[in-house]
């Protein structure tokens, strides 16, 4: 026997205030701060791209686009705060939700591309299969796009029903569950990518790993994965709880502190990691790899010291009895017996 249909909920969409949309009074100061920080991230990454002119890091434009999309989401929130009570806020609400919920998928695509480039310049990609740079980039980005489409469909159903003024509770729940599926697939994809990234990092034929740039790039990759995963888990739980308790209010979705601590802050920290450990200056610009690293202004001083020690050791081993050497410390000549 099927459960009885949920009771209808009716309201005037055009008359909803910003407090009714979110369940709390959004902070204008926090919205301005978030928008400014994401805009700053976009500007910094743009400068890094232009200054480095690294052909292997052109995909960093994905990060610029993501930062601008995030900024646009918070600008939409600012508009809602100013416009509340004067006009319908629905368009601003949909724009904010789409930009803030969906744009981190593009940031993940940039992380996938970074590991693909590491595999290529380190000659791991030549082994083919799942280690191919093309496979890493295309396969995981396609999964990312699929997750993005699933989330977009779920959010569209959820938002269109809630904007109707007479939403079907079951369809609102359906939209939330579809979004949860998209977020869940994204978490699984990220976990499998992390395993592959670690394997490439430790691969015995990875000629790039002996250079310090390799470790710095992976620091940016791992930190961004951690921060984006925190955000994805938060969104997963938020939409899951919302689907379960609707039409009752969600204690997670209607909590401004949780939103800024588990949505805004982790994404900002992911950008910070990719700015500090930027592929624009850490990835080699040309191949062969050794030629670039030898001329790099970031050349590893430890490698130079090791080479000098090897040369000294080779020179000492070539000395024979009867050779004369100068002891610089004591300023005297010693004959080897």
C-alpha atoms as a PDB file:
ATOM      1  CA  UNK A   1       0.000   0.000   0.000  1.00  0.00           C
ATOM      2  CA  UNK A   2       1.520   3.322  -1.081  1.00  0.00           C
ATOM      3  CA  UNK A   3       1.994   6.174   1.333  1.00  0.00           C
ATOM      4  CA  UNK A   4      -0.507   9.044   1.114  1.00  0.00           C
ATOM      5  CA  UNK A   5       0.637  12.074  -0.879  1.00  0.00           C
ATOM      6  CA  UNK A   6       2.318  14.847   1.065  1.00  0.00           C
ATOM      7  CA  UNK A   7       0.113  17.814   1.890  1.00  0.00           C
ATOM      8  CA  UNK A   8       0.474  20.821  -0.436  1.00  0.00           C
ATOM      9  CA  UNK A   9       2.419  23.919   0.603  1.00  0.00           C
ATOM     10  CA  UNK A  10       1.477  27.256  -0.899  1.00  0.00           C
ATOM     11  CA  UNK A  11       3.162  30.664  -0.791  1.00  0.00           C
ATOM     12  CA  UNK A  12       3.670  33.752  -2.912  1.00  0.00           C
ATOM     13  CA  UNK A  13       7.153  33.432  -4.450  1.00  0.00           C
ATOM     14  CA  UNK A  14       7.395  37.078  -5.511  1.00  0.00           C
ATOM     15  CA  UNK A  15       6.740  38.183  -1.941  1.00  0.00           C
ATOM     16  CA  UNK A  16       9.364  36.016  -0.214  1.00  0.00           C
ATOM     17  CA  UNK A  17      12.065  37.898   1.666  1.00  0.00           C
ATOM     18  CA  UNK A  18      15.738  36.932   1.768  1.00  0.00           C
ATOM     19  CA  UNK A  19      15.230  35.649   5.336  1.00  0.00           C
ATOM     20  CA  UNK A  20      12.469  33.332   4.126  1.00  0.00           C
ATOM     21  CA  UNK A  21      14.672  31.956   1.358  1.00  0.00           C
ATOM     22  CA  UNK A  22      17.539  31.050   3.670  1.00  0.00           C
ATOM     23  CA  UNK A  23      15.916  30.629   7.062  1.00  0.00           C
ATOM     24  CA  UNK A  24      18.240  33.247   8.554  1.00  0.00           C
ATOM     25  CA  UNK A  25      19.266  36.855   7.923  1.00  0.00           C
ATOM     26  CA  UNK A  26      22.309  36.672   5.603  1.00  0.00           C
ATOM     27  CA  UNK A  27      25.307  38.780   6.610  1.00  0.00           C
ATOM     28  CA  UNK A  28      26.090  41.488   4.076  1.00  0.00           C
ATOM     29  CA  UNK A  29      29.659  41.810   5.400  1.00  0.00           C
ATOM     30  CA  UNK A  30      30.381  38.103   4.977  1.00  0.00           C
ATOM     31  CA  UNK A  31      28.912  38.096   1.468  1.00  0.00           C
ATOM     32  CA  UNK A  32      31.068  41.075   0.453  1.00  0.00           C
ATOM     33  CA  UNK A  33      34.156  39.454   1.988  1.00  0.00           C
ATOM     34  CA  UNK A  34      33.601  36.155   0.169  1.00  0.00           C
ATOM     35  CA  UNK A  35      32.987  37.903  -3.163  1.00  0.00           C
ATOM     36  CA  UNK A  36      36.122  40.033  -2.744  1.00  0.00           C
ATOM     37  CA  UNK A  37      38.319  37.053  -1.830  1.00  0.00           C
ATOM     38  CA  UNK A  38      37.168  34.976  -4.800  1.00  0.00           C
ATOM     39  CA  UNK A  39      37.706  37.963  -7.101  1.00  0.00           C
ATOM     40  CA  UNK A  40      41.211  38.389  -5.658  1.00  0.00           C
ATOM     41  CA  UNK A  41      41.912  34.696  -6.314  1.00  0.00           C
ATOM     42  CA  UNK A  42      40.839  35.121  -9.943  1.00  0.00           C
ATOM     43  CA  UNK A  43      43.116  38.153 -10.376  1.00  0.00           C
ATOM     44  CA  UNK A  44      46.126  36.452  -8.758  1.00  0.00           C
ATOM     45  CA  UNK A  45      45.804  33.304 -10.878  1.00  0.00           C
ATOM     46  CA  UNK A  46      45.391  35.437 -14.017  1.00  0.00           C
ATOM     47  CA  UNK A  47      48.639  37.251 -13.185  1.00  0.00           C
ATOM     48  CA  UNK A  48      50.388  33.928 -12.574  1.00  0.00           C
ATOM     49  CA  UNK A  49      49.270  32.657 -15.982  1.00  0.00           C
ATOM     50  CA  UNK A  50      50.444  35.797 -17.806  1.00  0.00           C
ATOM     51  CA  UNK A  51      53.743  36.109 -15.933  1.00  0.00           C
ATOM     52  CA  UNK A  52      54.782  32.452 -16.232  1.00  0.00           C
ATOM     53  CA  UNK A  53      53.573  31.927 -19.814  1.00  0.00           C
ATOM     54  CA  UNK A  54      53.769  28.213 -19.148  1.00  0.00           C
ATOM     55  CA  UNK A  55      52.215  26.271 -22.068  1.00  0.00           C
ATOM     56  CA  UNK A  56      51.810  23.205 -19.850  1.00  0.00           C
ATOM     57  CA  UNK A  57      49.656  25.141 -17.359  1.00  0.00           C
ATOM     58  CA  UNK A  58      47.191  26.866 -19.695  1.00  0.00           C
ATOM     59  CA  UNK A  59      44.405  24.900 -18.033  1.00  0.00           C
ATOM     60  CA  UNK A  60      44.848  27.220 -15.022  1.00  0.00           C
ATOM     61  CA  UNK A  61      42.223  29.365 -16.738  1.00  0.00           C
ATOM     62  CA  UNK A  62      39.761  26.825 -15.354  1.00  0.00           C
ATOM     63  CA  UNK A  63      40.646  28.101 -11.883  1.00  0.00           C
ATOM     64  CA  UNK A  64      40.091  31.694 -12.968  1.00  0.00           C
ATOM     65  CA  UNK A  65      36.654  30.784 -14.339  1.00  0.00           C
ATOM     66  CA  UNK A  66      35.771  28.904 -11.129  1.00  0.00           C
ATOM     67  CA  UNK A  67      36.813  31.822  -8.906  1.00  0.00           C
ATOM     68  CA  UNK A  68      34.748  34.259 -10.994  1.00  0.00           C
ATOM     69  CA  UNK A  69      31.741  31.927 -10.843  1.00  0.00           C
ATOM     70  CA  UNK A  70      32.043  31.728  -7.053  1.00  0.00           C
ATOM     71  CA  UNK A  71      32.328  35.507  -6.911  1.00  0.00           C
ATOM     72  CA  UNK A  72      29.195  35.782  -9.051  1.00  0.00           C
ATOM     73  CA  UNK A  73      27.313  33.548  -6.617  1.00  0.00           C
ATOM     74  CA  UNK A  74      28.071  35.836  -3.689  1.00  0.00           C
ATOM     75  CA  UNK A  75      27.256  38.923  -5.766  1.00  0.00           C
ATOM     76  CA  UNK A  76      23.836  37.340  -6.369  1.00  0.00           C
ATOM     77  CA  UNK A  77      23.466  36.954  -2.596  1.00  0.00           C
ATOM     78  CA  UNK A  78      24.415  40.610  -2.085  1.00  0.00           C
ATOM     79  CA  UNK A  79      21.776  41.635  -4.617  1.00  0.00           C
ATOM     80  CA  UNK A  80      19.164  39.547  -2.792  1.00  0.00           C
ATOM     81  CA  UNK A  81      19.977  41.265   0.510  1.00  0.00           C
ATOM     82  CA  UNK A  82      19.599  44.733  -1.035  1.00  0.00           C
ATOM     83  CA  UNK A  83      16.537  43.874  -3.133  1.00  0.00           C
ATOM     84  CA  UNK A  84      14.537  42.016  -0.487  1.00  0.00           C
ATOM     85  CA  UNK A  85      11.015  43.400  -0.102  1.00  0.00           C
ATOM     86  CA  UNK A  86      11.182  45.347  -3.387  1.00  0.00           C
ATOM     87  CA  UNK A  87      11.067  42.641  -6.066  1.00  0.00           C
ATOM     88  CA  UNK A  88      11.074  38.887  -6.591  1.00  0.00           C
ATOM     89  CA  UNK A  89      14.349  37.354  -5.395  1.00  0.00           C
ATOM     90  CA  UNK A  90      13.879  34.050  -7.204  1.00  0.00           C
ATOM     91  CA  UNK A  91      16.303  34.716 -10.082  1.00  0.00           C
ATOM     92  CA  UNK A  92      19.042  35.795  -7.660  1.00  0.00           C
ATOM     93  CA  UNK A  93      18.465  32.730  -5.495  1.00  0.00           C
ATOM     94  CA  UNK A  94      18.711  30.319  -8.435  1.00  0.00           C
ATOM     95  CA  UNK A  95      21.841  32.078  -9.736  1.00  0.00           C
ATOM     96  CA  UNK A  96      23.495  31.878  -6.322  1.00  0.00           C
ATOM     97  CA  UNK A  97      22.678  28.204  -5.818  1.00  0.00           C
ATOM     98  CA  UNK A  98      23.823  27.170  -9.299  1.00  0.00           C
ATOM     99  CA  UNK A  99      27.091  29.119  -9.205  1.00  0.00           C
ATOM    100  CA  UNK A 100      28.131  28.197  -5.670  1.00  0.00           C
ATOM    101  CA  UNK A 101      26.993  24.564  -5.707  1.00  0.00           C
ATOM    102  CA  UNK A 102      28.229  23.633  -9.204  1.00  0.00           C
ATOM    103  CA  UNK A 103      31.412  25.669  -9.794  1.00  0.00           C
ATOM    104  CA  UNK A 104      33.762  23.600  -7.535  1.00  0.00           C
ATOM    105  CA  UNK A 105      33.402  20.825 -10.125  1.00  0.00           C
ATOM    106  CA  UNK A 106      35.517  22.947 -12.475  1.00  0.00           C
ATOM    107  CA  UNK A 107      38.198  23.381  -9.813  1.00  0.00           C
ATOM    108  CA  UNK A 108      38.384  19.590  -9.540  1.00  0.00           C
ATOM    109  CA  UNK A 109      38.931  19.374 -13.301  1.00  0.00           C
ATOM    110  CA  UNK A 110      42.021  21.586 -12.889  1.00  0.00           C
ATOM    111  CA  UNK A 111      43.355  19.227 -10.210  1.00  0.00           C
ATOM    112  CA  UNK A 112      42.857  16.241 -12.534  1.00  0.00           C
ATOM    113  CA  UNK A 113      44.714  18.085 -15.279  1.00  0.00           C
ATOM    114  CA  UNK A 114      47.632  18.848 -12.940  1.00  0.00           C
ATOM    115  CA  UNK A 115      48.209  15.179 -12.135  1.00  0.00           C
ATOM    116  CA  UNK A 116      47.883  14.339 -15.835  1.00  0.00           C
ATOM    117  CA  UNK A 117      50.616  16.847 -16.640  1.00  0.00           C
ATOM    118  CA  UNK A 118      52.841  15.460 -13.868  1.00  0.00           C
ATOM    119  CA  UNK A 119      52.458  11.992 -15.399  1.00  0.00           C
ATOM    120  CA  UNK A 120      53.347  13.368 -18.829  1.00  0.00           C
ATOM    121  CA  UNK A 121      56.458  15.359 -17.919  1.00  0.00           C
ATOM    122  CA  UNK A 122      57.660  12.543 -15.654  1.00  0.00           C
ATOM    123  CA  UNK A 123      57.345  10.027 -18.501  1.00  0.00           C
ATOM    124  CA  UNK A 124      54.875   7.917 -16.491  1.00  0.00           C
ATOM    125  CA  UNK A 125      52.289   8.668 -19.159  1.00  0.00           C
ATOM    126  CA  UNK A 126      54.343   6.675 -21.667  1.00  0.00           C
ATOM    127  CA  UNK A 127      53.338   3.480 -19.844  1.00  0.00           C
ATOM    128  CA  UNK A 128      49.847   3.991 -21.279  1.00  0.00           C
ATOM    129  CA  UNK A 129      46.533   2.768 -19.889  1.00  0.00           C
ATOM    130  CA  UNK A 130      45.217   4.543 -16.804  1.00  0.00           C
ATOM    131  CA  UNK A 131      48.614   6.231 -16.397  1.00  0.00           C
ATOM    132  CA  UNK A 132      48.232   8.133 -19.666  1.00  0.00           C
ATOM    133  CA  UNK A 133      47.905  11.883 -19.223  1.00  0.00           C
ATOM    134  CA  UNK A 134      45.106  11.870 -21.774  1.00  0.00           C
ATOM    135  CA  UNK A 135      43.238   9.125 -19.901  1.00  0.00           C
ATOM    136  CA  UNK A 136      43.608  10.873 -16.533  1.00  0.00           C
ATOM    137  CA  UNK A 137      42.388  14.181 -17.881  1.00  0.00           C
ATOM    138  CA  UNK A 138      39.574  12.929 -20.113  1.00  0.00           C
ATOM    139  CA  UNK A 139      38.268  10.092 -17.925  1.00  0.00           C
ATOM    140  CA  UNK A 140      38.032  11.994 -14.662  1.00  0.00           C
ATOM    141  CA  UNK A 141      36.834  15.207 -16.301  1.00  0.00           C
ATOM    142  CA  UNK A 142      34.074  13.245 -18.050  1.00  0.00           C
ATOM    143  CA  UNK A 143      33.055  11.762 -14.703  1.00  0.00           C
ATOM    144  CA  UNK A 144      33.142  15.283 -13.288  1.00  0.00           C
ATOM    145  CA  UNK A 145      30.897  16.517 -16.102  1.00  0.00           C
ATOM    146  CA  UNK A 146      28.465  13.648 -15.494  1.00  0.00           C
ATOM    147  CA  UNK A 147      28.344  14.509 -11.777  1.00  0.00           C
ATOM    148  CA  UNK A 148      27.834  18.151 -12.712  1.00  0.00           C
ATOM    149  CA  UNK A 149      24.911  17.269 -15.001  1.00  0.00           C
ATOM    150  CA  UNK A 150      23.291  15.055 -12.358  1.00  0.00           C
ATOM    151  CA  UNK A 151      23.615  17.805  -9.746  1.00  0.00           C
ATOM    152  CA  UNK A 152      22.303  20.412 -12.188  1.00  0.00           C
ATOM    153  CA  UNK A 153      19.240  18.271 -12.972  1.00  0.00           C
ATOM    154  CA  UNK A 154      18.573  17.747  -9.266  1.00  0.00           C
ATOM    155  CA  UNK A 155      18.955  21.420  -8.419  1.00  0.00           C
ATOM    156  CA  UNK A 156      16.744  22.402 -11.383  1.00  0.00           C
ATOM    157  CA  UNK A 157      13.909  20.151 -10.189  1.00  0.00           C
ATOM    158  CA  UNK A 158      14.371  21.297  -6.603  1.00  0.00           C
ATOM    159  CA  UNK A 159      14.510  24.995  -7.452  1.00  0.00           C
ATOM    160  CA  UNK A 160      11.690  24.981 -10.035  1.00  0.00           C
ATOM    161  CA  UNK A 161       9.329  23.254  -7.633  1.00  0.00           C
ATOM    162  CA  UNK A 162      10.153  25.548  -4.731  1.00  0.00           C
ATOM    163  CA  UNK A 163       9.693  28.571  -7.007  1.00  0.00           C
ATOM    164  CA  UNK A 164       6.258  27.505  -8.206  1.00  0.00           C
ATOM    165  CA  UNK A 165       4.485  28.872  -5.145  1.00  0.00           C
ATOM    166  CA  UNK A 166       2.671  25.561  -4.813  1.00  0.00           C
ATOM    167  CA  UNK A 167       5.511  23.009  -4.718  1.00  0.00           C
ATOM    168  CA  UNK A 168       5.018  19.279  -4.920  1.00  0.00           C
ATOM    169  CA  UNK A 169       6.786  17.988  -1.809  1.00  0.00           C
ATOM    170  CA  UNK A 170       7.659  14.678  -3.459  1.00  0.00           C
ATOM    171  CA  UNK A 171       9.295  16.411  -6.426  1.00  0.00           C
ATOM    172  CA  UNK A 172      11.268  18.697  -4.122  1.00  0.00           C
ATOM    173  CA  UNK A 173      12.516  15.580  -2.345  1.00  0.00           C
ATOM    174  CA  UNK A 174      13.281  13.976  -5.714  1.00  0.00           C
ATOM    175  CA  UNK A 175      15.399  16.964  -6.737  1.00  0.00           C
ATOM    176  CA  UNK A 176      17.310  16.782  -3.467  1.00  0.00           C
ATOM    177  CA  UNK A 177      17.944  13.042  -3.798  1.00  0.00           C
ATOM    178  CA  UNK A 178      19.187  13.443  -7.381  1.00  0.00           C
ATOM    179  CA  UNK A 179      21.605  16.135  -6.188  1.00  0.00           C
ATOM    180  CA  UNK A 180      22.761  13.792  -3.416  1.00  0.00           C
ATOM    181  CA  UNK A 181      23.482  11.085  -6.009  1.00  0.00           C
ATOM    182  CA  UNK A 182      25.589  13.538  -8.025  1.00  0.00           C
ATOM    183  CA  UNK A 183      27.533  14.585  -4.941  1.00  0.00           C
ATOM    184  CA  UNK A 184      28.005  10.961  -3.874  1.00  0.00           C
ATOM    185  CA  UNK A 185      29.393   9.990  -7.278  1.00  0.00           C
ATOM    186  CA  UNK A 186      31.716  12.974  -7.047  1.00  0.00           C
ATOM    187  CA  UNK A 187      33.088  11.779  -3.690  1.00  0.00           C
ATOM    188  CA  UNK A 188      33.684   8.276  -5.091  1.00  0.00           C
ATOM    189  CA  UNK A 189      35.401   9.731  -8.165  1.00  0.00           C
ATOM    190  CA  UNK A 190      37.621  11.932  -6.017  1.00  0.00           C
ATOM    191  CA  UNK A 191      38.610   8.967  -3.822  1.00  0.00           C
ATOM    192  CA  UNK A 192      39.575   6.815  -6.825  1.00  0.00           C
ATOM    193  CA  UNK A 193      41.492   9.723  -8.334  1.00  0.00           C
ATOM    194  CA  UNK A 194      43.410  10.143  -5.073  1.00  0.00           C
ATOM    195  CA  UNK A 195      44.564   6.506  -5.265  1.00  0.00           C
ATOM    196  CA  UNK A 196      45.741   6.967  -8.862  1.00  0.00           C
ATOM    197  CA  UNK A 197      47.484  10.264  -8.051  1.00  0.00           C
ATOM    198  CA  UNK A 198      49.383   8.612  -5.205  1.00  0.00           C
ATOM    199  CA  UNK A 199      50.411   5.718  -7.461  1.00  0.00           C
ATOM    200  CA  UNK A 200      51.781   8.116 -10.077  1.00  0.00           C
ATOM    201  CA  UNK A 201      53.643  10.069  -7.409  1.00  0.00           C
ATOM    202  CA  UNK A 202      55.497   6.944  -6.226  1.00  0.00           C
ATOM    203  CA  UNK A 203      55.886   5.295  -9.634  1.00  0.00           C
ATOM    204  CA  UNK A 204      59.405   3.945 -10.148  1.00  0.00           C
ATOM    205  CA  UNK A 205      59.643   5.406 -13.663  1.00  0.00           C
ATOM    206  CA  UNK A 206      58.549   8.894 -12.610  1.00  0.00           C
ATOM    207  CA  UNK A 207      61.623  10.939 -13.595  1.00  0.00           C
ATOM    208  CA  UNK A 208      60.031  14.113 -12.256  1.00  0.00           C
ATOM    209  CA  UNK A 209      59.855  12.983  -8.623  1.00  0.00           C
ATOM    210  CA  UNK A 210      63.526  13.659  -7.893  1.00  0.00           C
ATOM    211  CA  UNK A 211      62.931  17.387  -8.416  1.00  0.00           C
ATOM    212  CA  UNK A 212      61.495  19.472  -5.582  1.00  0.00           C
ATOM    213  CA  UNK A 213      58.839  20.947  -7.881  1.00  0.00           C
ATOM    214  CA  UNK A 214      57.209  17.509  -7.955  1.00  0.00           C
ATOM    215  CA  UNK A 215      56.607  17.484  -4.206  1.00  0.00           C
ATOM    216  CA  UNK A 216      55.337  21.058  -4.232  1.00  0.00           C
ATOM    217  CA  UNK A 217      52.832  20.274  -6.978  1.00  0.00           C
ATOM    218  CA  UNK A 218      51.549  17.284  -5.051  1.00  0.00           C
ATOM    219  CA  UNK A 219      51.202  19.417  -1.916  1.00  0.00           C
ATOM    220  CA  UNK A 220      48.811  21.654  -3.850  1.00  0.00           C
ATOM    221  CA  UNK A 221      46.959  18.639  -5.269  1.00  0.00           C
ATOM    222  CA  UNK A 222      46.481  16.918  -1.906  1.00  0.00           C
ATOM    223  CA  UNK A 223      45.507  20.063  -0.012  1.00  0.00           C
ATOM    224  CA  UNK A 224      42.942  21.067  -2.642  1.00  0.00           C
ATOM    225  CA  UNK A 225      41.497  17.529  -2.619  1.00  0.00           C
ATOM    226  CA  UNK A 226      41.147  17.628   1.179  1.00  0.00           C
ATOM    227  CA  UNK A 227      39.446  21.035   1.213  1.00  0.00           C
ATOM    228  CA  UNK A 228      37.074  20.316  -1.683  1.00  0.00           C
ATOM    229  CA  UNK A 229      36.195  16.946  -0.151  1.00  0.00           C
ATOM    230  CA  UNK A 230      35.241  18.659   3.135  1.00  0.00           C
ATOM    231  CA  UNK A 231      32.955  20.925   1.144  1.00  0.00           C
ATOM    232  CA  UNK A 232      31.480  18.019  -0.852  1.00  0.00           C
ATOM    233  CA  UNK A 233      30.732  15.998   2.279  1.00  0.00           C
ATOM    234  CA  UNK A 234      28.990  19.035   3.788  1.00  0.00           C
ATOM    235  CA  UNK A 235      26.838  19.498   0.668  1.00  0.00           C
ATOM    236  CA  UNK A 236      26.070  15.769   0.546  1.00  0.00           C
ATOM    237  CA  UNK A 237      24.818  15.766   4.136  1.00  0.00           C
ATOM    238  CA  UNK A 238      22.965  19.057   3.648  1.00  0.00           C
ATOM    239  CA  UNK A 239      20.941  17.887   0.654  1.00  0.00           C
ATOM    240  CA  UNK A 240      20.375  14.440   2.175  1.00  0.00           C
ATOM    241  CA  UNK A 241      18.977  15.922   5.367  1.00  0.00           C
ATOM    242  CA  UNK A 242      16.917  18.391   3.360  1.00  0.00           C
ATOM    243  CA  UNK A 243      15.377  15.569   1.346  1.00  0.00           C
ATOM    244  CA  UNK A 244      14.567  13.587   4.479  1.00  0.00           C
ATOM    245  CA  UNK A 245      12.997  16.333   6.604  1.00  0.00           C
ATOM    246  CA  UNK A 246      11.304  18.443   3.885  1.00  0.00           C
ATOM    247  CA  UNK A 247       8.850  20.227   4.222  1.00  0.00           C
ATOM    248  CA  UNK A 248      10.245  20.791   7.709  1.00  0.00           C
ATOM    249  CA  UNK A 249      13.201  23.223   7.797  1.00  0.00           C
ATOM    250  CA  UNK A 250      16.744  21.805   7.556  1.00  0.00           C
ATOM    251  CA  UNK A 251      18.985  22.540  10.531  1.00  0.00           C
ATOM    252  CA  UNK A 252      22.041  22.359   8.248  1.00  0.00           C
ATOM    253  CA  UNK A 253      20.826  24.323   5.231  1.00  0.00           C
ATOM    254  CA  UNK A 254      19.465  27.095   7.441  1.00  0.00           C
ATOM    255  CA  UNK A 255      22.680  27.655   9.381  1.00  0.00           C
ATOM    256  CA  UNK A 256      24.832  30.555   8.153  1.00  0.00           C
ATOM    257  CA  UNK A 257      27.860  29.574  10.256  1.00  0.00           C
ATOM    258  CA  UNK A 258      27.952  26.093   8.723  1.00  0.00           C
ATOM    259  CA  UNK A 259      27.583  27.540   5.237  1.00  0.00           C
ATOM    260  CA  UNK A 260      30.587  29.853   5.532  1.00  0.00           C
ATOM    261  CA  UNK A 261      32.743  27.404   7.521  1.00  0.00           C
ATOM    262  CA  UNK A 262      32.061  24.289   5.429  1.00  0.00           C
ATOM    263  CA  UNK A 263      31.258  25.739   2.004  1.00  0.00           C
ATOM    264  CA  UNK A 264      32.983  29.101   1.546  1.00  0.00           C
ATOM    265  CA  UNK A 265      36.115  28.589   3.638  1.00  0.00           C
ATOM    266  CA  UNK A 266      37.168  25.157   2.256  1.00  0.00           C
ATOM    267  CA  UNK A 267      36.815  26.343  -1.346  1.00  0.00           C
ATOM    268  CA  UNK A 268      38.845  29.468  -0.572  1.00  0.00           C
ATOM    269  CA  UNK A 269      41.544  27.325   1.068  1.00  0.00           C
ATOM    270  CA  UNK A 270      41.603  25.055  -1.997  1.00  0.00           C
ATOM    271  CA  UNK A 271      42.259  28.135  -4.146  1.00  0.00           C
ATOM    272  CA  UNK A 272      44.964  29.277  -1.727  1.00  0.00           C
ATOM    273  CA  UNK A 273      46.713  25.900  -1.995  1.00  0.00           C
ATOM    274  CA  UNK A 274      46.646  26.044  -5.804  1.00  0.00           C
ATOM    275  CA  UNK A 275      47.937  29.632  -5.772  1.00  0.00           C
ATOM    276  CA  UNK A 276      50.849  28.894  -3.414  1.00  0.00           C
ATOM    277  CA  UNK A 277      51.716  25.613  -5.160  1.00  0.00           C
ATOM    278  CA  UNK A 278      50.813  26.917  -8.586  1.00  0.00           C
ATOM    279  CA  UNK A 279      51.279  24.712 -11.657  1.00  0.00           C
ATOM    280  CA  UNK A 280      52.067  27.875 -13.614  1.00  0.00           C
ATOM    281  CA  UNK A 281      55.604  28.032 -12.185  1.00  0.00           C
ATOM    282  CA  UNK A 282      56.092  24.504 -10.828  1.00  0.00           C
ATOM    283  CA  UNK A 283      55.328  22.550 -13.999  1.00  0.00           C
ATOM    284  CA  UNK A 284      58.182  22.380 -16.528  1.00  0.00           C
ATOM    285  CA  UNK A 285      57.593  24.649 -19.524  1.00  0.00           C
ATOM    286  CA  UNK A 286      59.359  22.447 -22.056  1.00  0.00           C
ATOM    287  CA  UNK A 287      60.695  18.973 -22.602  1.00  0.00           C
ATOM    288  CA  UNK A 288      63.153  17.350 -22.176  1.00  0.00           C
ATOM    289  CA  UNK A 289      62.559  17.679 -18.476  1.00  0.00           C
ATOM    290  CA  UNK A 290      66.222  17.775 -17.426  1.00  0.00           C
ATOM    291  CA  UNK A 291      67.030  20.713 -19.716  1.00  0.00           C
ATOM    292  CA  UNK A 292      64.287  22.801 -18.123  1.00  0.00           C
ATOM    293  CA  UNK A 293      65.180  21.884 -14.557  1.00  0.00           C
ATOM    294  CA  UNK A 294      68.859  22.631 -15.083  1.00  0.00           C
ATOM    295  CA  UNK A 295      68.045  26.173 -16.235  1.00  0.00           C
ATOM    296  CA  UNK A 296      65.227  26.780 -13.770  1.00  0.00           C
ATOM    297  CA  UNK A 297      65.674  29.661 -11.307  1.00  0.00           C
ATOM    298  CA  UNK A 298      64.220  27.256  -8.746  1.00  0.00           C
ATOM    299  CA  UNK A 299      66.976  24.683  -9.348  1.00  0.00           C
ATOM    300  CA  UNK A 300      67.580  22.441  -6.380  1.00  0.00           C
ATOM    301  CA  UNK A 301      70.710  23.485  -4.489  1.00  0.00           C
ATOM    302  CA  UNK A 302      70.834  20.083  -2.858  1.00  0.00           C
ATOM    303  CA  UNK A 303      71.309  18.462  -6.264  1.00  0.00           C
ATOM    304  CA  UNK A 304      74.277  20.760  -6.919  1.00  0.00           C
ATOM    305  CA  UNK A 305      75.833  19.886  -3.568  1.00  0.00           C
ATOM    306  CA  UNK A 306      75.357  16.196  -4.266  1.00  0.00           C
ATOM    307  CA  UNK A 307      77.023  16.528  -7.661  1.00  0.00           C
ATOM    308  CA  UNK A 308      79.988  18.367  -6.111  1.00  0.00           C
ATOM    309  CA  UNK A 309      80.362  15.638  -3.491  1.00  0.00           C
ATOM    310  CA  UNK A 310      80.288  12.979  -6.217  1.00  0.00           C
ATOM    311  CA  UNK A 311      82.981  14.809  -8.175  1.00  0.00           C
ATOM    312  CA  UNK A 312      85.193  15.071  -5.094  1.00  0.00           C
ATOM    313  CA  UNK A 313      84.700  11.395  -4.361  1.00  0.00           C
ATOM    314  CA  UNK A 314      85.624  10.495  -7.946  1.00  0.00           C
ATOM    315  CA  UNK A 315      88.730  12.683  -7.771  1.00  0.00           C
ATOM    316  CA  UNK A 316      89.870  11.130  -4.518  1.00  0.00           C
ATOM    317  CA  UNK A 317      89.459   7.626  -5.868  1.00  0.00           C
ATOM    318  CA  UNK A 318      91.763   8.444  -8.793  1.00  0.00           C
ATOM    319  CA  UNK A 319      94.697   9.388  -6.512  1.00  0.00           C
ATOM    320  CA  UNK A 320      97.541   6.972  -6.447  1.00  0.00           C
ATOM    321  CA  UNK A 321     100.557   6.543  -4.156  1.00  0.00           C
ATOM    322  CA  UNK A 322     103.163   9.178  -4.834  1.00  0.00           C
ATOM    323  CA  UNK A 323     100.637  11.856  -5.765  1.00  0.00           C
ATOM    324  CA  UNK A 324     101.144  15.180  -4.072  1.00  0.00           C
ATOM    325  CA  UNK A 325      98.197  17.124  -2.679  1.00  0.00           C
ATOM    326  CA  UNK A 326      97.939  20.417  -0.831  1.00  0.00           C
ATOM    327  CA  UNK A 327      96.282  20.510   2.569  1.00  0.00           C
ATOM    328  CA  UNK A 328      94.676  23.969   2.449  1.00  0.00           C
ATOM    329  CA  UNK A 329      93.846  23.956   6.142  1.00  0.00           C
ATOM    330  CA  UNK A 330      97.442  23.487   7.248  1.00  0.00           C
ATOM    331  CA  UNK A 331      99.099  25.071   4.185  1.00  0.00           C
ATOM    332  CA  UNK A 332     101.527  22.241   3.696  1.00  0.00           C
ATOM    333  CA  UNK A 333     102.269  19.623   1.088  1.00  0.00           C
ATOM    334  CA  UNK A 334     101.636  15.959   1.857  1.00  0.00           C
ATOM    335  CA  UNK A 335     102.914  13.027  -0.195  1.00  0.00           C
ATOM    336  CA  UNK A 336     100.606  10.054  -0.351  1.00  0.00           C
ATOM    337  CA  UNK A 337     102.294   6.745   0.526  1.00  0.00           C
END
